[in-house]
Amino acid sequence: MTSYHITEEPTKKMAVFGETHRNELTGVFLVKHWLENDTEIQRTGLEVNHLLPIQDQ
């Protein structure tokens, strides 16, 4: 096993997408939950954006 030092800046922004795959809605439910209460995914120095897909009528 090899270890190495990462010299890049840490990630400061992250997008969370809630989409479906066939009939699985887990991603959509998680993003809806985080839109109501995002304390589970908030981290110091990290900006988190929540995105849901747009449904075509």
PDB file of N, CA and C in Angstrom:
ATOM      1  N   MET A   1       0.848  -1.174   0.000  1.00  0.00           N
ATOM      2  CA  MET A   1       0.000   0.000   0.000  1.00  0.00           C
ATOM      3  C   MET A   1       0.891   1.235   0.000  1.00  0.00           C
ATOM      4  N   THR A   2       0.520   2.219  -0.793  1.00  0.00           N
ATOM      5  CA  THR A   2       1.290   3.442  -0.904  1.00  0.00           C
ATOM      6  C   THR A   2       0.473   4.616  -0.389  1.00  0.00           C
ATOM      7  N   SER A   3       1.127   5.506   0.328  1.00  0.00           N
ATOM      8  CA  SER A   3       0.460   6.733   0.763  1.00  0.00           C
ATOM      9  C   SER A   3       1.222   7.916   0.178  1.00  0.00           C
ATOM     10  N   TYR A   4       0.528   9.026  -0.007  1.00  0.00           N
ATOM     11  CA  TYR A   4       1.167  10.199  -0.561  1.00  0.00           C
ATOM     12  C   TYR A   4       0.486  11.443  -0.024  1.00  0.00           C
ATOM     13  N   HIS A   5       1.189  12.544  -0.113  1.00  0.00           N
ATOM     14  CA  HIS A   5       0.675  13.817   0.385  1.00  0.00           C
ATOM     15  C   HIS A   5      -0.051  14.550  -0.746  1.00  0.00           C
ATOM     16  N   ILE A   6      -1.264  14.983  -0.494  1.00  0.00           N
ATOM     17  CA  ILE A   6      -2.044  15.732  -1.479  1.00  0.00           C
ATOM     18  C   ILE A   6      -1.788  17.213  -1.261  1.00  0.00           C
ATOM     19  N   THR A   7      -1.335  17.894  -2.304  1.00  0.00           N
ATOM     20  CA  THR A   7      -1.007  19.310  -2.179  1.00  0.00           C
ATOM     21  C   THR A   7      -2.101  20.224  -2.710  1.00  0.00           C
ATOM     22  N   GLU A   8      -3.181  19.674  -3.235  1.00  0.00           N
ATOM     23  CA  GLU A   8      -4.267  20.492  -3.771  1.00  0.00           C
ATOM     24  C   GLU A   8      -5.102  21.079  -2.646  1.00  0.00           C
ATOM     25  N   GLU A   9      -5.802  22.167  -2.957  1.00  0.00           N
ATOM     26  CA  GLU A   9      -6.715  22.788  -2.008  1.00  0.00           C
ATOM     27  C   GLU A   9      -7.901  21.859  -1.763  1.00  0.00           C
ATOM     28  N   PRO A  10      -8.446  21.845  -0.553  1.00  0.00           N
ATOM     29  CA  PRO A  10      -9.627  21.014  -0.296  1.00  0.00           C
ATOM     30  C   PRO A  10     -10.839  21.521  -1.071  1.00  0.00           C
ATOM     31  N   THR A  11     -11.786  20.641  -1.303  1.00  0.00           N
ATOM     32  CA  THR A  11     -13.020  21.001  -1.993  1.00  0.00           C
ATOM     33  C   THR A  11     -13.802  21.992  -1.146  1.00  0.00           C
ATOM     34  N   LYS A  12     -14.276  23.072  -1.775  1.00  0.00           N
ATOM     35  CA  LYS A  12     -15.026  24.093  -1.049  1.00  0.00           C
ATOM     36  C   LYS A  12     -16.492  24.146  -1.461  1.00  0.00           C
ATOM     37  N   LYS A  13     -16.822  23.555  -2.608  1.00  0.00           N
ATOM     38  CA  LYS A  13     -18.200  23.547  -3.086  1.00  0.00           C
ATOM     39  C   LYS A  13     -18.556  22.139  -3.542  1.00  0.00           C
ATOM     40  N   MET A  14     -19.806  21.769  -3.294  1.00  0.00           N
ATOM     41  CA  MET A  14     -20.266  20.445  -3.686  1.00  0.00           C
ATOM     42  C   MET A  14     -21.732  20.539  -4.081  1.00  0.00           C
ATOM     43  N   ALA A  15     -22.113  19.820  -5.117  1.00  0.00           N
ATOM     44  CA  ALA A  15     -23.513  19.756  -5.541  1.00  0.00           C
ATOM     45  C   ALA A  15     -24.032  18.343  -5.298  1.00  0.00           C
ATOM     46  N   VAL A  16     -25.222  18.252  -4.734  1.00  0.00           N
ATOM     47  CA  VAL A  16     -25.859  16.963  -4.481  1.00  0.00           C
ATOM     48  C   VAL A  16     -27.080  16.879  -5.394  1.00  0.00           C
ATOM     49  N   PHE A  17     -27.086  15.906  -6.292  1.00  0.00           N
ATOM     50  CA  PHE A  17     -28.179  15.719  -7.245  1.00  0.00           C
ATOM     51  C   PHE A  17     -29.057  14.567  -6.776  1.00  0.00           C
ATOM     52  N   GLY A  18     -30.356  14.770  -6.783  1.00  0.00           N
ATOM     53  CA  GLY A  18     -31.301  13.706  -6.444  1.00  0.00           C
ATOM     54  C   GLY A  18     -32.067  13.301  -7.681  1.00  0.00           C
ATOM     55  N   GLU A  19     -31.673  12.214  -8.301  1.00  0.00           N
ATOM     56  CA  GLU A  19     -32.336  11.760  -9.518  1.00  0.00           C
ATOM     57  C   GLU A  19     -32.820  10.328  -9.340  1.00  0.00           C
ATOM     58  N   THR A  20     -33.561   9.858 -10.311  1.00  0.00           N
ATOM     59  CA  THR A  20     -34.115   8.510 -10.230  1.00  0.00           C
ATOM     60  C   THR A  20     -33.429   7.594 -11.223  1.00  0.00           C
ATOM     61  N   HIS A  21     -33.483   6.320 -10.919  1.00  0.00           N
ATOM     62  CA  HIS A  21     -33.045   5.284 -11.842  1.00  0.00           C
ATOM     63  C   HIS A  21     -34.151   4.238 -11.852  1.00  0.00           C
ATOM     64  N   ARG A  22     -34.877   4.200 -12.933  1.00  0.00           N
ATOM     65  CA  ARG A  22     -36.071   3.348 -13.049  1.00  0.00           C
ATOM     66  C   ARG A  22     -37.072   3.738 -11.975  1.00  0.00           C
ATOM     67  N   ASN A  23     -37.376   2.850 -11.042  1.00  0.00           N
ATOM     68  CA  ASN A  23     -38.375   3.186 -10.029  1.00  0.00           C
ATOM     69  C   ASN A  23     -37.742   3.497  -8.666  1.00  0.00           C
ATOM     70  N   GLU A  24     -36.429   3.660  -8.611  1.00  0.00           N
ATOM     71  CA  GLU A  24     -35.748   3.944  -7.345  1.00  0.00           C
ATOM     72  C   GLU A  24     -35.776   5.447  -7.072  1.00  0.00           C
ATOM     73  N   LEU A  25     -36.325   5.838  -5.944  1.00  0.00           N
ATOM     74  CA  LEU A  25     -36.479   7.252  -5.606  1.00  0.00           C
ATOM     75  C   LEU A  25     -35.614   7.684  -4.421  1.00  0.00           C
ATOM     76  N   THR A  26     -34.687   6.851  -3.992  1.00  0.00           N
ATOM     77  CA  THR A  26     -33.880   7.150  -2.809  1.00  0.00           C
ATOM     78  C   THR A  26     -33.164   8.489  -2.924  1.00  0.00           C
ATOM     79  N   GLY A  27     -32.545   8.762  -4.061  1.00  0.00           N
ATOM     80  CA  GLY A  27     -31.816  10.018  -4.245  1.00  0.00           C
ATOM     81  C   GLY A  27     -32.718  11.228  -4.110  1.00  0.00           C
ATOM     82  N   VAL A  28     -33.913  11.149  -4.678  1.00  0.00           N
ATOM     83  CA  VAL A  28     -34.872  12.249  -4.598  1.00  0.00           C
ATOM     84  C   VAL A  28     -35.320  12.459  -3.152  1.00  0.00           C
ATOM     85  N   PHE A  29     -35.632  11.374  -2.450  1.00  0.00           N
ATOM     86  CA  PHE A  29     -36.058  11.487  -1.058  1.00  0.00           C
ATOM     87  C   PHE A  29     -34.964  12.075  -0.179  1.00  0.00           C
ATOM     88  N   LEU A  30     -33.698  11.674  -0.401  1.00  0.00           N
ATOM     89  CA  LEU A  30     -32.605  12.221   0.387  1.00  0.00           C
ATOM     90  C   LEU A  30     -32.436  13.718   0.165  1.00  0.00           C
ATOM     91  N   VAL A  31     -32.467  14.152  -1.087  1.00  0.00           N
ATOM     92  CA  VAL A  31     -32.312  15.581  -1.360  1.00  0.00           C
ATOM     93  C   VAL A  31     -33.481  16.370  -0.777  1.00  0.00           C
ATOM     94  N   LYS A  32     -34.705  15.858  -0.890  1.00  0.00           N
ATOM     95  CA  LYS A  32     -35.852  16.533  -0.280  1.00  0.00           C
ATOM     96  C   LYS A  32     -35.671  16.642   1.235  1.00  0.00           C
ATOM     97  N   HIS A  33     -35.168  15.577   1.864  1.00  0.00           N
ATOM     98  CA  HIS A  33     -34.906  15.594   3.304  1.00  0.00           C
ATOM     99  C   HIS A  33     -33.862  16.653   3.642  1.00  0.00           C
ATOM    100  N   TRP A  34     -32.772  16.705   2.870  1.00  0.00           N
ATOM    101  CA  TRP A  34     -31.711  17.670   3.139  1.00  0.00           C
ATOM    102  C   TRP A  34     -32.148  19.097   2.852  1.00  0.00           C
ATOM    103  N   LEU A  35     -33.085  19.295   1.930  1.00  0.00           N
ATOM    104  CA  LEU A  35     -33.619  20.640   1.701  1.00  0.00           C
ATOM    105  C   LEU A  35     -34.371  21.141   2.930  1.00  0.00           C
ATOM    106  N   GLU A  36     -35.038  20.236   3.638  1.00  0.00           N
ATOM    107  CA  GLU A  36     -35.767  20.603   4.850  1.00  0.00           C
ATOM    108  C   GLU A  36     -34.846  20.736   6.060  1.00  0.00           C
ATOM    109  N   ASN A  37     -33.817  19.895   6.138  1.00  0.00           N
ATOM    110  CA  ASN A  37     -32.915  19.886   7.281  1.00  0.00           C
ATOM    111  C   ASN A  37     -31.525  19.495   6.799  1.00  0.00           C
ATOM    112  N   ASP A  38     -30.698  20.488   6.502  1.00  0.00           N
ATOM    113  CA  ASP A  38     -29.392  20.193   5.910  1.00  0.00           C
ATOM    114  C   ASP A  38     -28.249  20.098   6.920  1.00  0.00           C
ATOM    115  N   THR A  39     -28.569  20.022   8.206  1.00  0.00           N
ATOM    116  CA  THR A  39     -27.496  19.949   9.201  1.00  0.00           C
ATOM    117  C   THR A  39     -26.668  18.671   9.066  1.00  0.00           C
ATOM    118  N   GLU A  40     -27.228  17.610   8.486  1.00  0.00           N
ATOM    119  CA  GLU A  40     -26.497  16.353   8.322  1.00  0.00           C
ATOM    120  C   GLU A  40     -25.343  16.465   7.334  1.00  0.00           C
ATOM    121  N   ILE A  41     -25.454  17.368   6.370  1.00  0.00           N
ATOM    122  CA  ILE A  41     -24.417  17.444   5.337  1.00  0.00           C
ATOM    123  C   ILE A  41     -23.622  18.741   5.369  1.00  0.00           C
ATOM    124  N   GLN A  42     -23.912  19.645   6.286  1.00  0.00           N
ATOM    125  CA  GLN A  42     -23.152  20.887   6.384  1.00  0.00           C
ATOM    126  C   GLN A  42     -21.807  20.630   7.051  1.00  0.00           C
ATOM    127  N   ARG A  43     -20.763  21.205   6.478  1.00  0.00           N
ATOM    128  CA  ARG A  43     -19.412  21.093   7.024  1.00  0.00           C
ATOM    129  C   ARG A  43     -18.766  22.474   7.002  1.00  0.00           C
ATOM    130  N   THR A  44     -17.943  22.754   7.957  1.00  0.00           N
ATOM    131  CA  THR A  44     -17.229  24.025   8.013  1.00  0.00           C
ATOM    132  C   THR A  44     -16.365  24.177   6.765  1.00  0.00           C
ATOM    133  N   GLY A  45     -16.504  25.317   6.095  1.00  0.00           N
ATOM    134  CA  GLY A  45     -15.708  25.596   4.910  1.00  0.00           C
ATOM    135  C   GLY A  45     -16.199  24.935   3.641  1.00  0.00           C
ATOM    136  N   LEU A  46     -17.393  24.326   3.667  1.00  0.00           N
ATOM    137  CA  LEU A  46     -17.932  23.640   2.489  1.00  0.00           C
ATOM    138  C   LEU A  46     -19.320  24.175   2.179  1.00  0.00           C
ATOM    139  N   GLU A  47     -19.526  24.589   0.946  1.00  0.00           N
ATOM    140  CA  GLU A  47     -20.839  25.047   0.481  1.00  0.00           C
ATOM    141  C   GLU A  47     -21.511  23.907  -0.266  1.00  0.00           C
ATOM    142  N   VAL A  48     -22.691  23.492   0.213  1.00  0.00           N
ATOM    143  CA  VAL A  48     -23.411  22.378  -0.392  1.00  0.00           C
ATOM    144  C   VAL A  48     -24.686  22.896  -1.055  1.00  0.00           C
ATOM    145  N   ASN A  49     -24.880  22.561  -2.327  1.00  0.00           N
ATOM    146  CA  ASN A  49     -26.093  22.923  -3.058  1.00  0.00           C
ATOM    147  C   ASN A  49     -26.881  21.660  -3.349  1.00  0.00           C
ATOM    148  N   HIS A  50     -28.196  21.738  -3.188  1.00  0.00           N
ATOM    149  CA  HIS A  50     -29.091  20.603  -3.417  1.00  0.00           C
ATOM    150  C   HIS A  50     -29.837  20.818  -4.726  1.00  0.00           C
ATOM    151  N   LEU A  51     -29.880  19.803  -5.556  1.00  0.00           N
ATOM    152  CA  LEU A  51     -30.541  19.930  -6.851  1.00  0.00           C
ATOM    153  C   LEU A  51     -31.450  18.730  -7.102  1.00  0.00           C
ATOM    154  N   LEU A  52     -32.656  19.016  -7.574  1.00  0.00           N
ATOM    155  CA  LEU A  52     -33.599  17.977  -7.971  1.00  0.00           C
ATOM    156  C   LEU A  52     -33.841  18.098  -9.468  1.00  0.00           C
ATOM    157  N   PRO A  53     -34.120  16.979 -10.139  1.00  0.00           N
ATOM    158  CA  PRO A  53     -34.386  17.056 -11.579  1.00  0.00           C
ATOM    159  C   PRO A  53     -35.720  17.757 -11.863  1.00  0.00           C
ATOM    160  N   ILE A  54     -35.792  18.353 -13.025  1.00  0.00           N
ATOM    161  CA  ILE A  54     -37.046  18.981 -13.474  1.00  0.00           C
ATOM    162  C   ILE A  54     -37.848  17.933 -14.232  1.00  0.00           C
ATOM    163  N   GLN A  55     -39.092  17.768 -13.840  1.00  0.00           N
ATOM    164  CA  GLN A  55     -39.942  16.788 -14.523  1.00  0.00           C
ATOM    165  C   GLN A  55     -40.666  17.443 -15.685  1.00  0.00           C
ATOM    166  N   ASP A  56     -40.607  16.796 -16.833  1.00  0.00           N
ATOM    167  CA  ASP A  56     -41.354  17.272 -17.995  1.00  0.00           C
ATOM    168  C   ASP A  56     -42.778  16.784 -17.883  1.00  0.00           C
ATOM    169  N   GLN A  57     -43.715  17.629 -18.239  1.00  0.00           N
ATOM    170  CA  GLN A  57     -45.132  17.264 -18.178  1.00  0.00           C
ATOM    171  C   GLN A  57     -45.535  16.533 -19.425  1.00  0.00           C
TER     172      GLN A  57
END
